[in-house]
Amino acid sequence: MDRIDVAFRGEGSGVAELTWGQQSMLLTMDRERSWLPMGGHQPVAPGATLADVVDELRYSQERYQSFRTRLLHDGRPMQQVHAAGTVTVEVYETSDDPVAFAAEVEHAYRTAQPDLTADWPLRAAVICRDGRPERLVAIMPHLVTDATGAGVMVAEATARVATPVTGPQPLELTAWQRSPAGERCSTAAVRHWERHLPSVTVLSPTLRPDPQQFPKARFTSPAMASAAPAVAARTGVDPATILSTAFMMAVGQVTGTVQVAVRHLVGNRFRAGLAEVVSPLAQLGLCVADVAVPLDEALGRVARASLAAHKHAYYNPLQLADLLARTDTDTTRTVCYNDRRTSRAAAPDTPAGDGLFEWVGASTGPTEPLFLHIDDEPGALVLTIDVDTAFLSRTDAEAIARTMESIIVKGRTA
């Protein structure tokens, strides 16, 4: 293995509080006992040299403050954005399959805990065969950005965008969040949570957990992919609301809860000027609704509750934590929901049938009672489910997925 030191110099430096998104991510990292690595390995463009790959990495280090940020601990976590520095890229030569070799390097990066106060966030390696770069491995903590921001970064790095960064960088975000306008935004959001806390029913860890306490499941449903647009056409309600309503109804039916509380992961990029920010913006919004009613009635209730949840999902998490401590309410004992679909096109009409449910491994550590993520693939919706079996059994987790599918499929007709 060889190492290349990549010197960089970018605009903006200083010490500041963490942004709300960074603080939310840090709290999640502490709760889940994980540094929440993101990234992976990808092919190097045909004909690209090692110097080309290094230049692309330097581009990101220089363009985005979040790549030049280290944590400081001075009584409370702070961020320090550096104007310049040197990041090390590892270079491996292999005669074996570069994809398999890159996967091994990725695994090593993910399982080695970084020092977020001393190390640069990015860990990178280039896998070569016969002297030609074949794969790039790039891993970073979620403190750098979220999935949407990572997409912005990759697109801009590929195109080598030379115009100034669109939207605020972390230091500017922090300044706005501490301004009177930012404080009003956070206060309004916390008041939303305060209004709904009395009606939140939390789950209790009353079960004997599995030996593997935090299993992960995958549910693939072609029927749900084709039924959701059909329900939308019948009701005039968008598929996103249909899916979240069916999830809340399924949780209510399986847990015996009438007033269901779900924490939605909200990207917050619909807010003015934040669409292309390369920094974590996603935060949890609180959605509470009585869904013990027929689907069509529940759709209206969840639509209103979801709109309020999304509106009030941009806040200072420390301010919210103070409220929860004062009211002795532990909202981490409610389920979470993340609609991360990228395609909104209707799937081909598919005959009704049970989706495929399978247990696929384990979560990295302590998680929410249940966290459901929705993705799309050709012809199907895919639910990824992380569950804490002290709160909900494996049977409960599967029942929620299948009940959600059943509600949507039956919803084709009034």
Protein backbone atom coordinates (compact mmCIF):
# COMPACT_ATOMS: atom_id res chain seq x y z
CA MET A 1 0.00 0.00 0.00
CA ASP A 2 1.15 3.53 -0.83
CA ARG A 3 -0.09 6.82 0.57
CA ILE A 4 -0.60 10.11 -1.22
CA ASP A 5 -0.83 13.31 0.81
CA VAL A 6 -3.38 15.62 -0.79
CA ALA A 7 -2.95 19.26 0.19
CA PHE A 8 -6.05 21.44 0.03
CA ARG A 9 -7.05 25.05 0.63
CA GLY A 10 -10.63 26.30 0.68
CA GLU A 11 -12.68 29.35 1.52
CA GLY A 12 -14.05 29.88 5.01
CA SER A 13 -12.66 28.94 8.40
CA GLY A 14 -13.55 29.42 12.02
CA VAL A 15 -15.03 27.91 15.18
CA ALA A 16 -18.78 27.81 15.71
CA GLU A 17 -21.55 25.84 17.32
CA LEU A 18 -22.77 22.81 15.42
CA THR A 19 -25.62 23.35 13.00
CA TRP A 20 -28.97 21.88 13.99
CA GLY A 21 -28.49 19.07 11.51
CA GLN A 22 -25.01 18.29 12.80
CA GLN A 23 -26.23 18.36 16.40
CA SER A 24 -29.13 16.04 15.57
CA MET A 25 -26.73 13.66 13.86
CA LEU A 26 -24.31 13.73 16.80
CA LEU A 27 -27.13 12.90 19.22
CA THR A 28 -28.13 10.00 16.98
CA MET A 29 -24.54 8.78 16.84
CA ASP A 30 -24.37 8.79 20.63
CA ARG A 31 -27.72 7.01 21.00
CA GLU A 32 -26.93 4.35 18.40
CA ARG A 33 -23.29 3.98 19.49
CA SER A 34 -22.12 4.36 15.92
CA TRP A 35 -20.24 6.99 13.95
CA LEU A 36 -22.83 6.40 11.20
CA PRO A 37 -20.48 5.94 8.25
CA MET A 38 -21.81 6.71 4.80
CA GLY A 39 -20.38 6.24 1.32
CA GLY A 40 -18.98 3.14 -0.33
CA HIS A 41 -16.94 2.17 -3.35
CA GLN A 42 -17.55 3.00 -6.99
CA PRO A 43 -15.81 2.48 -10.34
CA VAL A 44 -13.25 4.99 -11.51
CA ALA A 45 -14.20 6.58 -14.84
CA PRO A 46 -12.57 4.81 -17.81
CA GLY A 47 -9.28 6.43 -18.73
CA ALA A 48 -8.98 8.39 -15.48
CA THR A 49 -5.52 8.44 -13.96
CA LEU A 50 -4.57 8.30 -10.31
CA ALA A 51 -3.86 12.03 -10.50
CA ASP A 52 -7.39 12.61 -11.83
CA VAL A 53 -8.91 10.74 -8.88
CA VAL A 54 -6.75 12.67 -6.41
CA ASP A 55 -7.78 15.96 -8.01
CA GLU A 56 -11.45 15.02 -7.62
CA LEU A 57 -10.94 14.35 -3.91
CA ARG A 58 -9.06 17.63 -3.52
CA TYR A 59 -11.96 19.42 -5.25
CA SER A 60 -14.43 18.24 -2.59
CA GLN A 61 -12.07 19.03 0.28
CA GLU A 62 -11.64 22.56 -0.97
CA ARG A 63 -15.20 23.29 -2.08
CA TYR A 64 -17.20 22.13 0.97
CA GLN A 65 -16.57 23.34 4.51
CA SER A 66 -18.01 20.13 5.95
CA PHE A 67 -15.07 18.17 4.47
CA ARG A 68 -12.65 20.49 6.29
CA THR A 69 -14.38 20.28 9.67
CA ARG A 70 -13.23 18.68 12.90
CA LEU A 71 -15.04 18.59 16.22
CA LEU A 72 -13.94 20.51 19.27
CA HIS A 73 -15.03 19.70 22.83
CA ASP A 74 -14.97 22.80 25.00
CA GLY A 75 -17.69 21.94 27.49
CA ARG A 76 -19.98 21.16 24.56
CA PRO A 77 -19.32 19.96 21.00
CA MET A 78 -18.25 22.69 18.58
CA GLN A 79 -17.04 22.60 15.00
CA GLN A 80 -13.81 23.97 13.62
CA VAL A 81 -13.65 24.60 9.89
CA HIS A 82 -10.07 24.72 8.62
CA ALA A 83 -8.95 26.78 5.65
CA ALA A 84 -6.21 24.34 4.66
CA GLY A 85 -4.75 20.96 5.46
CA THR A 86 -3.62 17.63 4.06
CA VAL A 87 -5.70 14.51 3.71
CA THR A 88 -4.11 11.11 3.08
CA VAL A 89 -5.36 8.80 0.33
CA GLU A 90 -4.39 5.13 0.45
CA VAL A 91 -3.48 3.44 -2.83
CA TYR A 92 -3.68 -0.33 -3.19
CA GLU A 93 -2.43 -2.48 -6.04
CA THR A 94 -4.18 -5.84 -6.46
CA SER A 95 -4.17 -8.66 -8.97
CA ASP A 96 -7.46 -9.94 -7.58
CA ASP A 97 -10.98 -8.73 -8.29
CA PRO A 98 -10.88 -4.94 -7.61
CA VAL A 99 -14.56 -4.91 -6.61
CA ALA A 100 -14.04 -7.54 -3.92
CA PHE A 101 -10.86 -5.84 -2.75
CA ALA A 102 -12.63 -2.47 -2.56
CA ALA A 103 -15.40 -4.06 -0.50
CA GLU A 104 -12.81 -5.31 1.99
CA VAL A 105 -11.27 -1.84 2.28
CA GLU A 106 -14.71 -0.30 2.72
CA HIS A 107 -15.52 -2.77 5.50
CA ALA A 108 -12.25 -1.92 7.25
CA TYR A 109 -13.01 1.79 7.05
CA ARG A 110 -16.55 1.35 8.35
CA THR A 111 -15.52 -0.75 11.33
CA ALA A 112 -12.58 1.42 12.45
CA GLN A 113 -13.81 4.18 14.76
CA PRO A 114 -12.36 7.54 13.65
CA ASP A 115 -11.23 10.34 15.91
CA LEU A 116 -13.57 13.11 14.79
CA THR A 117 -11.52 15.71 16.69
CA ALA A 118 -8.16 14.78 15.12
CA ASP A 119 -8.97 13.16 11.77
CA TRP A 120 -10.39 14.69 8.63
CA PRO A 121 -13.87 13.29 7.99
CA LEU A 122 -13.07 11.71 4.62
CA ARG A 123 -11.38 8.31 4.42
CA ALA A 124 -10.42 7.48 0.86
CA ALA A 125 -8.59 4.74 -1.01
CA VAL A 126 -7.93 4.00 -4.67
CA ILE A 127 -7.79 0.37 -5.80
CA CYS A 128 -5.51 -0.20 -8.80
CA ARG A 129 -4.85 -3.18 -11.03
CA ASP A 130 -1.82 -3.18 -13.32
CA GLY A 131 -1.22 0.40 -12.28
CA ARG A 132 -4.62 1.63 -13.43
CA PRO A 133 -7.15 2.95 -10.89
CA GLU A 134 -10.25 0.73 -10.89
CA ARG A 135 -12.25 1.58 -7.76
CA LEU A 136 -12.56 4.55 -5.42
CA VAL A 137 -13.49 3.94 -1.78
CA ALA A 138 -14.81 6.99 0.06
CA ILE A 139 -16.29 6.81 3.57
CA MET A 140 -17.30 9.67 5.85
CA PRO A 141 -19.49 10.18 8.93
CA HIS A 142 -23.02 11.48 8.54
CA LEU A 143 -21.79 14.64 10.27
CA VAL A 144 -20.44 15.69 6.87
CA THR A 145 -23.75 15.57 5.03
CA ASP A 146 -26.91 13.55 4.43
CA ALA A 147 -27.81 11.42 1.42
CA THR A 148 -29.18 14.32 -0.63
CA GLY A 149 -26.15 16.48 0.12
CA ALA A 150 -23.89 13.60 -0.87
CA GLY A 151 -25.70 13.44 -4.20
CA VAL A 152 -25.08 17.15 -4.72
CA MET A 153 -21.40 16.70 -3.88
CA VAL A 154 -20.92 13.77 -6.29
CA ALA A 155 -22.71 15.57 -9.13
CA GLU A 156 -20.70 18.77 -8.67
CA ALA A 157 -17.40 16.92 -8.30
CA THR A 158 -18.09 14.91 -11.47
CA ALA A 159 -18.94 18.05 -13.43
CA ARG A 160 -16.21 20.09 -11.70
CA VAL A 161 -18.61 22.95 -11.09
CA ALA A 162 -16.54 26.14 -10.86
CA THR A 163 -19.24 28.58 -9.77
CA PRO A 164 -19.57 29.40 -6.05
CA VAL A 165 -21.34 26.96 -3.76
CA THR A 166 -25.12 27.26 -3.90
CA GLY A 167 -26.69 27.92 -0.52
CA PRO A 168 -25.13 28.44 2.90
CA GLN A 169 -22.13 26.49 4.14
CA PRO A 170 -22.08 25.24 7.77
CA LEU A 171 -20.62 28.41 9.30
CA GLU A 172 -23.28 30.51 7.59
CA LEU A 173 -25.99 28.04 8.59
CA THR A 174 -24.94 28.30 12.22
CA ALA A 175 -25.01 32.09 12.08
CA TRP A 176 -28.57 32.12 10.74
CA GLN A 177 -29.75 29.52 13.25
CA ARG A 178 -28.49 31.71 16.10
CA SER A 179 -30.17 34.81 14.63
CA PRO A 180 -33.60 36.06 15.76
CA ALA A 181 -35.16 34.48 12.64
CA GLY A 182 -33.55 31.12 13.42
CA GLU A 183 -34.60 31.28 17.05
CA ARG A 184 -38.20 32.02 16.03
CA CYS A 185 -38.14 29.01 13.68
CA SER A 186 -36.84 26.69 16.39
CA THR A 187 -39.22 28.01 19.04
CA ALA A 188 -42.24 27.48 16.77
CA ALA A 189 -41.09 23.92 16.05
CA VAL A 190 -40.60 23.09 19.73
CA ARG A 191 -44.07 24.49 20.49
CA HIS A 192 -45.47 22.08 17.89
CA TRP A 193 -43.88 19.17 19.76
CA GLU A 194 -45.11 20.57 23.08
CA ARG A 195 -48.72 20.76 21.82
CA HIS A 196 -48.70 17.11 20.76
CA LEU A 197 -46.69 15.50 23.55
CA PRO A 198 -49.77 14.90 25.77
CA SER A 199 -51.29 12.71 23.06
CA VAL A 200 -48.11 10.73 22.30
CA THR A 201 -48.26 7.06 23.28
CA VAL A 202 -44.75 5.69 23.68
CA LEU A 203 -43.79 2.03 23.44
CA SER A 204 -42.37 0.13 26.41
CA PRO A 205 -39.43 -2.29 26.38
CA THR A 206 -41.47 -5.10 27.91
CA LEU A 207 -40.29 -8.00 25.74
CA ARG A 208 -37.38 -10.35 26.21
CA PRO A 209 -35.18 -9.31 23.29
CA ASP A 210 -33.80 -11.74 20.75
CA PRO A 211 -30.18 -12.83 21.11
CA GLN A 212 -29.73 -10.55 18.11
CA GLN A 213 -31.61 -7.64 19.62
CA PHE A 214 -31.52 -5.29 16.64
CA PRO A 215 -32.32 -7.31 13.50
CA LYS A 216 -32.82 -5.80 10.06
CA ALA A 217 -35.51 -6.94 7.61
CA ARG A 218 -36.27 -6.27 3.95
CA PHE A 219 -39.79 -6.41 2.53
CA THR A 220 -40.15 -6.26 -1.26
CA SER A 221 -43.66 -5.50 -2.50
CA PRO A 222 -44.54 -5.22 -6.21
CA ALA A 223 -48.24 -5.03 -5.26
CA MET A 224 -47.74 -1.96 -3.09
CA ALA A 225 -45.78 -0.21 -5.85
CA SER A 226 -48.66 -0.51 -8.30
CA ALA A 227 -51.48 -0.06 -5.76
CA ALA A 228 -50.27 3.23 -4.26
CA PRO A 229 -50.65 5.19 -7.55
CA ALA A 230 -54.06 3.57 -8.04
CA VAL A 231 -55.17 4.76 -4.59
CA ALA A 232 -53.81 8.20 -5.45
CA ALA A 233 -55.82 8.29 -8.67
CA ARG A 234 -58.98 7.28 -6.80
CA THR A 235 -58.61 9.64 -3.85
CA GLY A 236 -56.62 12.55 -5.24
CA VAL A 237 -54.09 12.13 -2.43
CA ASP A 238 -50.40 11.96 -3.25
CA PRO A 239 -48.64 8.57 -2.89
CA ALA A 240 -46.30 9.89 -0.17
CA THR A 241 -49.28 10.59 2.10
CA ILE A 242 -50.85 7.26 1.19
CA LEU A 243 -47.72 5.37 2.20
CA SER A 244 -47.24 7.25 5.48
CA THR A 245 -50.93 6.84 6.34
CA ALA A 246 -50.81 3.10 5.70
CA PHE A 247 -47.72 2.85 7.90
CA MET A 248 -49.37 4.73 10.76
CA MET A 249 -52.51 2.62 10.46
CA ALA A 250 -50.42 -0.56 10.46
CA VAL A 251 -48.53 0.55 13.57
CA GLY A 252 -51.82 1.37 15.27
CA GLN A 253 -53.37 -1.98 14.42
CA VAL A 254 -50.35 -4.05 15.46
CA THR A 255 -49.69 -2.16 18.72
CA GLY A 256 -53.32 -1.49 19.61
CA THR A 257 -52.79 2.27 19.55
CA VAL A 258 -55.49 4.68 18.37
CA GLN A 259 -53.55 7.97 18.48
CA VAL A 260 -50.38 7.01 16.65
CA ALA A 261 -47.19 9.06 16.93
CA VAL A 262 -44.52 8.66 14.27
CA ARG A 263 -41.30 10.59 13.91
CA HIS A 264 -40.81 11.40 10.22
CA LEU A 265 -37.31 11.98 8.92
CA VAL A 266 -37.67 15.30 7.08
CA GLY A 267 -35.01 16.41 4.60
CA ASN A 268 -35.71 20.15 5.11
CA ARG A 269 -34.41 20.90 1.61
CA PHE A 270 -37.73 22.37 0.55
CA ARG A 271 -36.76 25.42 2.60
CA ALA A 272 -35.53 28.46 0.70
CA GLY A 273 -31.87 28.24 -0.27
CA LEU A 274 -31.19 24.82 1.27
CA ALA A 275 -31.75 22.47 -1.69
CA GLU A 276 -28.06 22.02 -2.54
CA VAL A 277 -26.38 22.36 0.85
CA VAL A 278 -23.61 19.81 1.50
CA SER A 279 -24.20 19.39 5.21
CA PRO A 280 -26.73 17.33 7.20
CA LEU A 281 -30.14 18.99 7.21
CA ALA A 282 -32.49 16.09 7.90
CA GLN A 283 -34.25 16.13 11.28
CA LEU A 284 -37.14 14.27 12.84
CA GLY A 285 -40.61 15.82 12.78
CA LEU A 286 -43.43 14.66 15.03
CA CYS A 287 -46.57 13.42 13.26
CA VAL A 288 -49.53 12.47 15.48
CA ALA A 289 -52.98 11.40 14.26
CA ASP A 290 -55.95 9.24 15.21
CA VAL A 291 -55.90 6.62 12.44
CA ALA A 292 -58.40 4.12 13.86
CA VAL A 293 -60.75 5.00 11.00
CA PRO A 294 -61.23 3.89 7.37
CA LEU A 295 -58.34 4.65 5.01
CA ASP A 296 -60.00 7.53 3.16
CA GLU A 297 -60.71 9.37 6.41
CA ALA A 298 -57.26 8.62 7.77
CA LEU A 299 -55.66 10.08 4.65
CA GLY A 300 -57.03 13.54 5.41
CA ARG A 301 -55.97 13.38 9.05
CA VAL A 302 -52.44 12.24 8.24
CA ALA A 303 -52.08 14.79 5.43
CA ARG A 304 -52.74 17.60 7.89
CA ALA A 305 -50.59 16.09 10.62
CA SER A 306 -47.75 15.35 8.20
CA LEU A 307 -47.77 18.90 6.83
CA ALA A 308 -47.39 20.25 10.36
CA ALA A 309 -44.65 17.71 11.14
CA HIS A 310 -42.65 18.73 8.07
CA LYS A 311 -43.16 22.43 8.74
CA HIS A 312 -41.81 22.04 12.27
CA ALA A 313 -38.88 19.68 11.64
CA TYR A 314 -36.19 22.40 11.59
CA TYR A 315 -35.13 23.23 15.14
CA ASN A 316 -32.37 23.34 17.71
CA PRO A 317 -32.29 19.77 19.04
CA LEU A 318 -30.89 20.93 22.38
CA GLN A 319 -33.94 23.17 22.83
CA LEU A 320 -36.19 20.20 22.10
CA ALA A 321 -34.18 18.02 24.49
CA ASP A 322 -34.80 20.56 27.26
CA LEU A 323 -38.55 20.37 26.62
CA LEU A 324 -38.57 16.58 26.66
CA ALA A 325 -36.60 16.52 29.91
CA ARG A 326 -38.99 19.00 31.55
CA THR A 327 -42.04 17.01 30.48
CA ASP A 328 -40.42 13.63 31.19
CA THR A 329 -41.35 12.42 27.70
CA ASP A 330 -39.11 10.00 25.82
CA THR A 331 -40.07 10.31 22.17
CA THR A 332 -37.25 7.93 21.24
CA ARG A 333 -39.79 5.27 22.23
CA THR A 334 -41.90 6.02 19.17
CA VAL A 335 -41.41 4.57 15.71
CA CYS A 336 -39.61 6.37 12.87
CA TYR A 337 -40.40 6.65 9.17
CA ASN A 338 -38.23 7.68 6.23
CA ASP A 339 -39.58 7.91 2.69
CA ARG A 340 -36.44 8.05 0.57
CA ARG A 341 -37.91 7.03 -2.77
CA THR A 342 -36.22 8.62 -5.77
CA SER A 343 -38.74 7.71 -8.47
CA ARG A 344 -42.31 8.96 -8.50
CA ALA A 345 -43.41 7.14 -11.68
CA ALA A 346 -46.25 4.65 -11.42
CA ALA A 347 -45.17 1.01 -11.36
CA PRO A 348 -46.64 -1.50 -13.83
CA ASP A 349 -49.97 -2.94 -12.75
CA THR A 350 -49.17 -5.95 -10.60
CA PRO A 351 -51.59 -8.67 -9.45
CA ALA A 352 -52.23 -8.52 -5.74
CA GLY A 353 -49.98 -10.87 -3.83
CA ASP A 354 -47.90 -11.08 -0.72
CA GLY A 355 -44.54 -9.36 -0.81
CA LEU A 356 -41.30 -11.08 0.12
CA PHE A 357 -40.26 -10.55 3.75
CA GLU A 358 -36.80 -11.65 4.83
CA TRP A 359 -34.42 -11.02 7.72
CA VAL A 360 -31.15 -9.78 6.28
CA GLY A 361 -28.79 -9.21 9.18
CA ALA A 362 -28.44 -6.79 12.04
CA SER A 363 -28.43 -3.05 12.62
CA THR A 364 -25.17 -1.50 13.76
CA GLY A 365 -26.39 -1.04 17.31
CA PRO A 366 -29.21 0.33 19.45
CA THR A 367 -31.91 1.80 17.24
CA GLU A 368 -35.42 3.14 17.55
CA PRO A 369 -38.24 0.73 18.54
CA LEU A 370 -38.80 0.45 14.79
CA PHE A 371 -37.39 2.46 11.90
CA LEU A 372 -38.91 1.92 8.48
CA HIS A 373 -37.25 3.20 5.31
CA ILE A 374 -38.99 3.13 1.92
CA ASP A 375 -36.99 2.83 -1.30
CA ASP A 376 -38.02 2.03 -4.84
CA GLU A 377 -36.63 -0.39 -7.33
CA PRO A 378 -38.00 -1.35 -10.77
CA GLY A 379 -41.50 -2.70 -10.25
CA ALA A 380 -41.50 -2.77 -6.45
CA LEU A 381 -41.35 -0.80 -3.24
CA VAL A 382 -38.73 -1.98 -0.75
CA LEU A 383 -39.15 -1.48 2.98
CA THR A 384 -36.04 -1.74 5.14
CA ILE A 385 -36.94 -2.28 8.77
CA ASP A 386 -34.68 -1.93 11.81
CA VAL A 387 -36.33 -3.11 15.00
CA ASP A 388 -35.47 -3.28 18.69
CA THR A 389 -36.95 -6.59 19.82
CA ALA A 390 -37.23 -5.34 23.40
CA PHE A 391 -40.06 -3.13 22.12
CA LEU A 392 -41.50 -5.04 19.16
CA SER A 393 -41.05 -8.67 18.26
CA ARG A 394 -39.93 -9.94 14.88
CA THR A 395 -43.51 -11.05 14.36
CA ASP A 396 -44.73 -7.51 15.08
CA ALA A 397 -42.24 -6.02 12.62
CA GLU A 398 -43.34 -8.36 9.84
CA ALA A 399 -47.01 -7.75 10.69
CA ILE A 400 -46.54 -3.98 10.33
CA ALA A 401 -45.01 -4.39 6.86
CA ARG A 402 -47.66 -6.82 5.66
CA THR A 403 -50.53 -4.81 7.17
CA MET A 404 -49.23 -1.71 5.42
CA GLU A 405 -49.22 -3.59 2.11
CA SER A 406 -52.71 -4.95 2.72
CA ILE A 407 -54.14 -1.51 3.53
CA ILE A 408 -52.78 -0.03 0.32
CA VAL A 409 -53.81 -2.94 -1.91
CA LYS A 410 -57.34 -2.92 -0.47
CA GLY A 411 -57.42 0.86 -0.87
CA ARG A 412 -57.68 0.53 -4.66
CA THR A 413 -61.45 0.35 -4.17
CA ALA A 414 -63.51 2.50 -1.84
